C-alpha atoms as a PDB file:
ATOM      1  CA  MET A   1      39.323 130.896 208.578  1.00  0.00           C
ATOM      2  CA  SER A   2      38.305 130.664 204.932  1.00  0.00           C
ATOM      3  CA  GLY A   3      34.929 129.188 204.034  1.00  0.00           C
ATOM      4  CA  ALA A   4      36.476 126.202 202.260  1.00  0.00           C
ATOM      5  CA  LEU A   5      38.793 125.384 205.162  1.00  0.00           C
ATOM      6  CA  GLU A   6      36.016 125.761 207.715  1.00  0.00           C
ATOM      7  CA  LYS A   7      33.780 123.391 205.743  1.00  0.00           C
ATOM      8  CA  SER A   8      36.586 120.849 205.452  1.00  0.00           C
ATOM      9  CA  ILE A   9      37.307 120.921 209.178  1.00  0.00           C
ATOM     10  CA  ALA A  10      33.597 120.655 209.968  1.00  0.00           C
ATOM     11  CA  ILE A  11      33.313 117.525 207.794  1.00  0.00           C
ATOM     12  CA  ILE A  12      36.435 115.950 209.333  1.00  0.00           C
ATOM     13  CA  GLU A  13      35.178 116.530 212.878  1.00  0.00           C
ATOM     14  CA  TYR A  14      31.726 115.248 211.941  1.00  0.00           C
ATOM     15  CA  LEU A  15      33.115 112.029 210.453  1.00  0.00           C
ATOM     16  CA  ALA A  16      35.514 111.582 213.388  1.00  0.00           C
ATOM     17  CA  ALA A  17      32.470 110.874 215.555  1.00  0.00           C
ATOM     18  CA  ARG A  18      31.120 108.373 213.013  1.00  0.00           C
ATOM     19  CA  PRO A  19      33.725 105.655 212.327  1.00  0.00           C
ATOM     20  CA  ASP A  20      31.196 103.683 210.269  1.00  0.00           C
ATOM     21  CA  GLY A  21      30.761 106.644 207.965  1.00  0.00           C
ATOM     22  CA  ALA A  22      27.777 108.761 206.994  1.00  0.00           C
ATOM     23  CA  PRO A  23      25.820 109.420 203.788  1.00  0.00           C
ATOM     24  CA  LEU A  24      26.279 112.659 201.895  1.00  0.00           C
ATOM     25  CA  ALA A  25      22.715 113.763 202.616  1.00  0.00           C
ATOM     26  CA  ALA A  26      23.210 113.441 206.384  1.00  0.00           C
ATOM     27  CA  ILE A  27      26.567 115.228 206.349  1.00  0.00           C
ATOM     28  CA  ALA A  28      25.240 118.146 204.314  1.00  0.00           C
ATOM     29  CA  THR A  29      22.046 118.452 206.347  1.00  0.00           C
ATOM     30  CA  ASP A  30      23.659 118.217 209.787  1.00  0.00           C
ATOM     31  CA  LEU A  31      26.416 120.668 208.880  1.00  0.00           C
ATOM     32  CA  ASN A  32      24.036 123.038 207.083  1.00  0.00           C
ATOM     33  CA  GLN A  33      26.000 122.830 203.834  1.00  0.00           C
ATOM     34  CA  LEU A  34      24.709 122.717 200.284  1.00  0.00           C
ATOM     35  CA  ARG A  35      24.806 119.131 199.086  1.00  0.00           C
ATOM     36  CA  SER A  36      26.732 120.019 195.932  1.00  0.00           C
ATOM     37  CA  ALA A  37      29.336 122.032 197.860  1.00  0.00           C
ATOM     38  CA  CYS A  38      29.618 119.310 200.506  1.00  0.00           C
ATOM     39  CA  HIS A  39      30.210 116.733 197.778  1.00  0.00           C
ATOM     40  CA  ARG A  40      33.001 118.868 196.259  1.00  0.00           C
ATOM     41  CA  THR A  41      34.691 119.227 199.655  1.00  0.00           C
ATOM     42  CA  LEU A  42      34.476 115.477 200.244  1.00  0.00           C
ATOM     43  CA  GLN A  43      36.088 114.820 196.861  1.00  0.00           C
ATOM     44  CA  GLU A  44      38.939 117.184 197.752  1.00  0.00           C
ATOM     45  CA  LEU A  45      39.419 115.429 201.095  1.00  0.00           C
ATOM     46  CA  ILE A  46      39.478 112.100 199.260  1.00  0.00           C
ATOM     47  CA  GLY A  47      42.169 113.498 196.988  1.00  0.00           C
ATOM     48  CA  TYR A  48      44.317 114.437 199.982  1.00  0.00           C
ATOM     49  CA  GLY A  49      43.791 111.018 201.581  1.00  0.00           C
ATOM     50  CA  TYR A  50      41.706 112.063 204.602  1.00  0.00           C
ATOM     51  CA  VAL A  51      38.357 110.633 203.483  1.00  0.00           C
ATOM     52  CA  ARG A  52      37.306 107.545 201.544  1.00  0.00           C
ATOM     53  CA  ALA A  53      34.099 106.689 199.761  1.00  0.00           C
ATOM     54  CA  LEU A  54      32.427 103.574 201.174  1.00  0.00           C
ATOM     55  CA  PRO A  55      31.070 100.744 199.037  1.00  0.00           C
ATOM     56  CA  LEU A  56      27.620 101.802 200.168  1.00  0.00           C
ATOM     57  CA  ARG A  57      26.711 104.394 197.561  1.00  0.00           C
ATOM     58  CA  GLY A  58      26.914 107.964 198.762  1.00  0.00           C
ATOM     59  CA  SER A  59      28.560 107.290 202.133  1.00  0.00           C
ATOM     60  CA  TYR A  60      31.924 108.563 203.361  1.00  0.00           C
ATOM     61  CA  ALA A  61      34.301 107.846 206.240  1.00  0.00           C
ATOM     62  CA  LEU A  62      37.685 109.029 207.477  1.00  0.00           C
ATOM     63  CA  THR A  63      40.819 107.122 206.522  1.00  0.00           C
ATOM     64  CA  SER A  64      43.551 106.308 209.054  1.00  0.00           C
ATOM     65  CA  LYS A  65      45.628 109.284 207.915  1.00  0.00           C
ATOM     66  CA  LEU A  66      44.523 111.562 210.738  1.00  0.00           C
ATOM     67  CA  ALA A  67      45.136 108.833 213.312  1.00  0.00           C
ATOM     68  CA  SER A  68      48.571 108.220 211.839  1.00  0.00           C
ATOM     69  CA  LEU A  69      49.424 111.909 212.006  1.00  0.00           C
ATOM     70  CA  GLY A  70      48.223 112.079 215.609  1.00  0.00           C
ATOM     71  CA  LEU A  71      50.257 109.081 216.703  1.00  0.00           C
ATOM     72  CA  SER A  72      53.312 110.440 214.918  1.00  0.00           C
ATOM     73  CA  PHE A  73      52.857 113.787 216.647  1.00  0.00           C
ATOM     74  CA  LEU A  74      52.565 112.160 220.074  1.00  0.00           C
ATOM     75  CA  SER A  75      55.612 109.964 219.500  1.00  0.00           C
ATOM     76  CA  LYS A  76      57.734 112.960 218.521  1.00  0.00           C
ATOM     77  CA  SER A  77      56.451 115.123 221.383  1.00  0.00           C
ATOM     78  CA  GLY A  78      58.100 112.824 223.927  1.00  0.00           C
ATOM     79  CA  VAL A  79      55.145 112.969 226.295  1.00  0.00           C
ATOM     80  CA  VAL A  80      54.365 109.247 226.122  1.00  0.00           C
ATOM     81  CA  ASP A  81      57.998 108.251 226.698  1.00  0.00           C
ATOM     82  CA  ILE A  82      58.128 110.509 229.740  1.00  0.00           C
ATOM     83  CA  ALA A  83      54.763 109.518 231.167  1.00  0.00           C
ATOM     84  CA  GLN A  84      54.744 105.771 230.558  1.00  0.00           C
ATOM     85  CA  PRO A  85      57.132 104.687 233.331  1.00  0.00           C
ATOM     86  CA  LEU A  86      55.246 106.828 235.849  1.00  0.00           C
ATOM     87  CA  ILE A  87      51.768 105.660 234.934  1.00  0.00           C
ATOM     88  CA  ASN A  88      53.036 102.076 234.698  1.00  0.00           C
ATOM     89  CA  ARG A  89      54.211 102.361 238.290  1.00  0.00           C
ATOM     90  CA  MET A  90      50.863 103.728 239.429  1.00  0.00           C
ATOM     91  CA  ALA A  91      48.979 101.031 237.508  1.00  0.00           C
ATOM     92  CA  GLU A  92      51.075  98.315 239.140  1.00  0.00           C
ATOM     93  CA  ARG A  93      50.445  99.809 242.562  1.00  0.00           C
ATOM     94  CA  THR A  94      46.677 100.217 242.186  1.00  0.00           C
ATOM     95  CA  GLU A  95      46.035  97.307 239.791  1.00  0.00           C
ATOM     96  CA  GLU A  96      43.648  99.622 237.937  1.00  0.00           C
ATOM     97  CA  LEU A  97      43.608 101.643 234.717  1.00  0.00           C
ATOM     98  CA  VAL A  98      45.856 104.714 234.909  1.00  0.00           C
ATOM     99  CA  ARG A  99      45.796 107.411 232.247  1.00  0.00           C
ATOM    100  CA  LEU A 100      47.426 110.736 231.423  1.00  0.00           C
ATOM    101  CA  ALA A 101      45.286 113.549 230.044  1.00  0.00           C
ATOM    102  CA  ILE A 102      46.871 116.757 228.794  1.00  0.00           C
ATOM    103  CA  VAL A 103      45.399 120.221 229.084  1.00  0.00           C
ATOM    104  CA  ASP A 104      44.714 121.536 225.591  1.00  0.00           C
ATOM    105  CA  GLY A 105      43.307 125.017 225.830  1.00  0.00           C
ATOM    106  CA  GLU A 106      40.160 124.428 227.882  1.00  0.00           C
ATOM    107  CA  ARG A 107      39.921 120.726 227.102  1.00  0.00           C
ATOM    108  CA  LEU A 108      41.421 117.543 228.490  1.00  0.00           C
ATOM    109  CA  THR A 109      42.545 114.849 226.045  1.00  0.00           C
ATOM    110  CA  LEU A 110      43.710 111.341 226.970  1.00  0.00           C
ATOM    111  CA  VAL A 111      47.117 110.550 225.446  1.00  0.00           C
ATOM    112  CA  ALA A 112      48.654 107.656 227.421  1.00  0.00           C
ATOM    113  CA  LYS A 113      47.522 104.752 229.589  1.00  0.00           C
ATOM    114  CA  ALA A 114      48.598 101.686 231.556  1.00  0.00           C
ATOM    115  CA  GLN A 115      46.266  98.837 232.519  1.00  0.00           C
ATOM    116  CA  GLY A 116      47.001  97.424 235.948  1.00  0.00           C
ATOM    117  CA  ALA A 117      44.012  95.091 236.290  1.00  0.00           C
ATOM    118  CA  ARG A 118      45.249  91.520 235.883  1.00  0.00           C
ATOM    119  CA  SER A 119      41.873  89.791 235.941  1.00  0.00           C
ATOM    120  CA  GLY A 120      38.183  90.376 236.496  1.00  0.00           C
ATOM    121  CA  LEU A 121      36.424  93.570 235.474  1.00  0.00           C
ATOM    122  CA  ARG A 122      38.438  96.023 233.398  1.00  0.00           C
ATOM    123  CA  TYR A 123      37.596  99.614 232.583  1.00  0.00           C
ATOM    124  CA  ASP A 124      39.316 100.791 229.413  1.00  0.00           C
ATOM    125  CA  PRO A 125      37.643 103.548 227.354  1.00  0.00           C
ATOM    126  CA  ASP A 126      38.965 104.771 224.018  1.00  0.00           C
ATOM    127  CA  MET A 127      42.006 107.003 224.000  1.00  0.00           C
ATOM    128  CA  GLY A 128      42.044 110.414 222.382  1.00  0.00           C
ATOM    129  CA  ILE A 129      38.575 111.415 223.582  1.00  0.00           C
ATOM    130  CA  GLU A 130      37.817 114.821 225.043  1.00  0.00           C
ATOM    131  CA  LEU A 131      36.796 114.385 228.669  1.00  0.00           C
ATOM    132  CA  ASN A 132      33.739 116.026 230.154  1.00  0.00           C
ATOM    133  CA  LEU A 133      34.919 118.501 232.776  1.00  0.00           C
ATOM    134  CA  SER A 134      31.864 118.426 235.030  1.00  0.00           C
ATOM    135  CA  CYS A 135      31.578 114.626 235.321  1.00  0.00           C
ATOM    136  CA  SER A 136      35.109 113.214 235.176  1.00  0.00           C
ATOM    137  CA  ALA A 137      37.681 112.985 237.947  1.00  0.00           C
ATOM    138  CA  ALA A 138      40.209 114.364 235.454  1.00  0.00           C
ATOM    139  CA  GLY A 139      37.993 117.357 234.760  1.00  0.00           C
ATOM    140  CA  HIS A 140      37.534 118.003 238.473  1.00  0.00           C
ATOM    141  CA  ALA A 141      41.287 117.733 239.086  1.00  0.00           C
ATOM    142  CA  TRP A 142      42.007 120.380 236.453  1.00  0.00           C
ATOM    143  CA  LEU A 143      39.117 122.666 237.450  1.00  0.00           C
ATOM    144  CA  MET A 144      40.268 122.664 241.068  1.00  0.00           C
ATOM    145  CA  THR A 145      43.532 124.342 239.966  1.00  0.00           C
ATOM    146  CA  LEU A 146      41.578 127.279 238.494  1.00  0.00           C
ATOM    147  CA  THR A 147      39.884 130.209 240.145  1.00  0.00           C
ATOM    148  CA  GLU A 148      36.128 129.915 240.531  1.00  0.00           C
ATOM    149  CA  ASP A 149      35.576 132.383 237.681  1.00  0.00           C
ATOM    150  CA  GLN A 150      37.943 130.490 235.367  1.00  0.00           C
ATOM    151  CA  ALA A 151      36.297 127.178 236.219  1.00  0.00           C
ATOM    152  CA  MET A 152      32.832 128.574 235.564  1.00  0.00           C
ATOM    153  CA  GLN A 153      33.944 129.978 232.197  1.00  0.00           C
ATOM    154  CA  ALA A 154      35.347 126.602 231.135  1.00  0.00           C
ATOM    155  CA  LEU A 155      32.158 124.856 232.229  1.00  0.00           C
ATOM    156  CA  ALA A 156      29.983 127.403 230.443  1.00  0.00           C
ATOM    157  CA  ARG A 157      31.768 126.716 227.158  1.00  0.00           C
ATOM    158  CA  GLN A 158      31.540 122.928 227.403  1.00  0.00           C
ATOM    159  CA  GLY A 159      28.282 122.603 229.321  1.00  0.00           C
ATOM    160  CA  MET A 160      27.289 120.374 232.214  1.00  0.00           C
ATOM    161  CA  GLY A 161      27.114 116.640 231.550  1.00  0.00           C
ATOM    162  CA  ASP A 162      23.654 115.230 232.261  1.00  0.00           C
ATOM    163  CA  ARG A 163      23.027 112.062 234.263  1.00  0.00           C
ATOM    164  CA  ALA A 164      21.322 110.340 231.343  1.00  0.00           C
ATOM    165  CA  SER A 165      24.580 110.439 229.352  1.00  0.00           C
ATOM    166  CA  TYR A 166      27.034 109.961 232.236  1.00  0.00           C
ATOM    167  CA  GLY A 167      26.776 108.526 235.743  1.00  0.00           C
ATOM    168  CA  PRO A 168      23.897 108.741 238.239  1.00  0.00           C
ATOM    169  CA  ASN A 169      25.975 110.940 240.563  1.00  0.00           C
ATOM    170  CA  ALA A 170      26.945 113.512 237.909  1.00  0.00           C
ATOM    171  CA  PRO A 171      26.551 116.982 239.476  1.00  0.00           C
ATOM    172  CA  ARG A 172      23.388 118.673 238.252  1.00  0.00           C
ATOM    173  CA  SER A 173      24.444 122.274 238.753  1.00  0.00           C
ATOM    174  CA  ILE A 174      27.536 124.444 238.791  1.00  0.00           C
ATOM    175  CA  LYS A 175      26.864 125.172 242.469  1.00  0.00           C
ATOM    176  CA  ALA A 176      26.965 121.454 243.295  1.00  0.00           C
ATOM    177  CA  LEU A 177      30.163 121.063 241.295  1.00  0.00           C
ATOM    178  CA  MET A 178      31.817 124.010 243.047  1.00  0.00           C
ATOM    179  CA  THR A 179      31.092 122.323 246.379  1.00  0.00           C
ATOM    180  CA  LEU A 180      32.844 119.167 245.124  1.00  0.00           C
ATOM    181  CA  LEU A 181      35.839 121.195 243.917  1.00  0.00           C
ATOM    182  CA  LYS A 182      36.292 122.674 247.398  1.00  0.00           C
ATOM    183  CA  GLU A 183      36.447 119.164 248.846  1.00  0.00           C
ATOM    184  CA  HIS A 184      38.953 118.094 246.173  1.00  0.00           C
ATOM    185  CA  ARG A 185      41.223 121.073 246.897  1.00  0.00           C
ATOM    186  CA  LYS A 186      41.339 120.234 250.614  1.00  0.00           C
ATOM    187  CA  ARG A 187      42.233 116.624 249.766  1.00  0.00           C
ATOM    188  CA  GLY A 188      44.759 117.490 247.062  1.00  0.00           C
ATOM    189  CA  PHE A 189      43.163 115.237 244.431  1.00  0.00           C
ATOM    190  CA  SER A 190      39.700 114.574 243.033  1.00  0.00           C
ATOM    191  CA  LEU A 191      37.665 111.528 244.002  1.00  0.00           C
ATOM    192  CA  VAL A 192      34.354 110.618 242.357  1.00  0.00           C
ATOM    193  CA  ARG A 193      32.007 107.628 242.306  1.00  0.00           C
ATOM    194  CA  GLU A 194      29.620 106.971 239.423  1.00  0.00           C
ATOM    195  CA  THR A 195      29.752 110.496 238.047  1.00  0.00           C
ATOM    196  CA  TYR A 196      31.349 109.686 234.666  1.00  0.00           C
ATOM    197  CA  ALA A 197      29.785 106.261 234.158  1.00  0.00           C
ATOM    198  CA  PRO A 198      27.534 103.918 236.158  1.00  0.00           C
ATOM    199  CA  GLY A 199      29.508 101.495 238.304  1.00  0.00           C
ATOM    200  CA  MET A 200      32.808 103.341 237.822  1.00  0.00           C
ATOM    201  CA  SER A 201      34.961 105.215 240.329  1.00  0.00           C
ATOM    202  CA  SER A 202      37.952 107.400 239.603  1.00  0.00           C
ATOM    203  CA  MET A 203      40.463 109.732 241.168  1.00  0.00           C
ATOM    204  CA  ALA A 204      42.859 112.236 239.621  1.00  0.00           C
ATOM    205  CA  ALA A 205      45.691 114.596 240.525  1.00  0.00           C
ATOM    206  CA  PRO A 206      46.806 117.613 238.492  1.00  0.00           C
ATOM    207  CA  VAL A 207      50.242 117.721 236.867  1.00  0.00           C
ATOM    208  CA  GLN A 208      51.321 121.173 238.001  1.00  0.00           C
ATOM    209  CA  ARG A 209      54.506 122.922 239.009  1.00  0.00           C
ATOM    210  CA  ARG A 210      54.249 125.424 241.831  1.00  0.00           C
ATOM    211  CA  GLY A 211      53.096 128.815 240.590  1.00  0.00           C
ATOM    212  CA  GLU A 212      52.349 127.550 237.075  1.00  0.00           C
ATOM    213  CA  PRO A 213      49.153 126.373 235.323  1.00  0.00           C
ATOM    214  CA  ALA A 214      48.421 122.648 235.283  1.00  0.00           C
ATOM    215  CA  THR A 215      49.617 120.953 232.105  1.00  0.00           C
ATOM    216  CA  GLY A 216      47.902 117.610 232.589  1.00  0.00           C
ATOM    217  CA  VAL A 217      46.117 115.209 234.915  1.00  0.00           C
ATOM    218  CA  ILE A 218      46.895 111.640 236.011  1.00  0.00           C
ATOM    219  CA  VAL A 219      43.777 109.519 236.482  1.00  0.00           C
ATOM    220  CA  VAL A 220      43.116 106.180 238.162  1.00  0.00           C
ATOM    221  CA  ALA A 221      39.806 104.535 237.203  1.00  0.00           C
ATOM    222  CA  GLY A 222      38.103 101.223 237.853  1.00  0.00           C
ATOM    223  CA  PRO A 223      34.881  99.433 238.837  1.00  0.00           C
ATOM    224  CA  SER A 224      33.319 100.875 241.989  1.00  0.00           C
ATOM    225  CA  VAL A 225      33.033  97.420 243.552  1.00  0.00           C
ATOM    226  CA  ARG A 226      36.816  97.221 243.536  1.00  0.00           C
ATOM    227  CA  LEU A 227      38.025 100.825 243.520  1.00  0.00           C
ATOM    228  CA  THR A 228      36.278 101.858 246.714  1.00  0.00           C
ATOM    229  CA  GLU A 229      36.516 105.234 248.412  1.00  0.00           C
ATOM    230  CA  ALA A 230      38.756 103.735 251.082  1.00  0.00           C
ATOM    231  CA  ARG A 231      41.204 102.420 248.455  1.00  0.00           C
ATOM    232  CA  MET A 232      41.215 105.742 246.616  1.00  0.00           C
ATOM    233  CA  LEU A 233      42.036 107.596 249.834  1.00  0.00           C
ATOM    234  CA  GLN A 234      44.819 105.070 250.418  1.00  0.00           C
ATOM    235  CA  PHE A 235      46.290 105.661 246.949  1.00  0.00           C
ATOM    236  CA  GLY A 236      45.914 109.459 247.122  1.00  0.00           C
ATOM    237  CA  PRO A 237      49.367 110.384 248.477  1.00  0.00           C
ATOM    238  CA  GLU A 238      51.149 108.188 245.933  1.00  0.00           C
ATOM    239  CA  LEU A 239      49.045 109.570 243.088  1.00  0.00           C
ATOM    240  CA  MET A 240      49.986 113.118 244.045  1.00  0.00           C
ATOM    241  CA  GLU A 241      53.639 112.072 244.234  1.00  0.00           C
ATOM    242  CA  VAL A 242      53.510 110.597 240.720  1.00  0.00           C
ATOM    243  CA  ALA A 243      51.777 113.735 239.408  1.00  0.00           C
ATOM    244  CA  ALA A 244      54.496 115.898 240.971  1.00  0.00           C
ATOM    245  CA  GLU A 245      57.199 113.770 239.292  1.00  0.00           C
ATOM    246  CA  MET A 246      55.366 114.099 235.993  1.00  0.00           C
ATOM    247  CA  ALA A 247      55.236 117.873 236.411  1.00  0.00           C
ATOM    248  CA  VAL A 248      59.034 117.993 236.657  1.00  0.00           C
ATOM    249  CA  ALA A 249      59.759 115.414 233.965  1.00  0.00           C
ATOM    250  CA  GLY A 250      57.143 116.806 231.600  1.00  0.00           C
ATOM    251  CA  ASN A 251      59.146 119.989 231.207  1.00  0.00           C
ATOM    252  CA  ALA A 252      61.234 118.089 228.644  1.00  0.00           C
ATOM    253  CA  SER A 253      58.206 117.567 226.373  1.00  0.00           C
ATOM    254  CA  PRO A 254      57.258 120.374 223.946  1.00  0.00           C
ATOM    255  CA  LEU A 255      53.639 119.212 224.107  1.00  0.00           C
ATOM    256  CA  MET A 256      53.494 119.514 227.888  1.00  0.00           C
ATOM    257  CA  GLN A 257      55.272 122.862 227.809  1.00  0.00           C
ATOM    258  CA  ALA A 258      52.675 124.257 225.408  1.00  0.00           C
ATOM    259  CA  ALA A 259      49.719 122.488 226.990  1.00  0.00           C
ATOM    260  CA  ASN A 260      47.870 125.649 227.944  1.00  0.00           C
ATOM    261  CA  ILE A 261      48.283 127.106 224.468  1.00  0.00           C
ATOM    262  CA  GLY A 262      47.261 123.881 222.801  1.00  0.00           C
ATOM    263  CA  THR A 263      46.141 122.974 219.326  1.00  0.00           C
ATOM    264  CA  TRP A 264      42.476 123.331 220.267  1.00  0.00           C
ATOM    265  CA  GLY A 265      43.237 126.194 222.636  1.00  0.00           C
ATOM    266  CA  ASN A 266      44.451 128.395 219.793  1.00  0.00           C
ATOM    267  CA  ARG A 267      40.823 129.310 219.112  1.00  0.00           C
ATOM    268  CA  THR A 268      38.859 130.839 221.952  1.00  0.00           C
ATOM    269  CA  ASP A 269      35.590 129.749 220.394  1.00  0.00           C
ATOM    270  CA  GLY A 270      36.722 126.151 219.741  1.00  0.00           C
ATOM    271  CA  ALA A 271      35.234 124.450 216.682  1.00  0.00           C
ATOM    272  CA  PRO A 272      32.926 126.236 214.244  1.00  0.00           C
ATOM    273  CA  ALA A 273      29.507 126.920 215.749  1.00  0.00           C
ATOM    274  CA  VAL A 274      27.787 124.391 213.534  1.00  0.00           C
ATOM    275  CA  VAL A 275      30.264 121.719 214.636  1.00  0.00           C
ATOM    276  CA  ARG A 276      29.711 122.551 218.294  1.00  0.00           C
ATOM    277  CA  ARG A 277      25.976 122.133 217.738  1.00  0.00           C
ATOM    278  CA  VAL A 278      26.309 118.774 215.993  1.00  0.00           C
ATOM    279  CA  MET A 279      28.933 117.396 218.394  1.00  0.00           C
ATOM    280  CA  GLY A 280      27.105 118.667 221.468  1.00  0.00           C
ATOM    281  CA  ARG A 281      29.888 121.027 222.584  1.00  0.00           C
END
């Protein structure tokens, strides 16, 4: 990767985590770039339509161009069209939030959802986020399809999520997580309570054809007071059935077919080191 391209990508990823924008001084300092060079890169990104200068002097933010490109990519990949009827069915059955996350290299990214809750508490996080593997039901469902060595490598690259940032039951060590993964494998799907967020429960099943790597994960999530362990165990067989249907149907989507190559997975080291430091990867 050329220096100019690496700096541009670093700025884009930095601003992606700051929708309200950031001043030039903060961008340059956090990314360890010279302020003059950072300013030149920002001006180039403005010229290409990816960044805009905010009315507040010296601050910059992303435009909607990246989001538009992402949505266009997803619509043309066919994955949402394939997944939506299946996750709609699961959402109607559970009356909870159901989401599809795709495997992208060693990351899981949410790409589709269906809200089944008709009233009361609703759990509905932003789409497009990268899920934490050690704390999320989706992460557990994917990790349980890997060998122990593969799972540990993926966790080592992303790091363990701490309880201060996630839920009070987030596993504190790889050993504790490996114990949970053994339980998930016996059950056929993951089941967690207050590991990803306080007061939230979730369950997930891998989208995987026999003898092949998992290409995605289907997740059901909701408030713990409503989505109890008993209800999750009740929904387990149907969730695995929907995931199996998705595994077959997903073969028609180029994105699902290439899930384990992935856009992020093309680089074994992920984002530039400075970006990993700033973004906490």
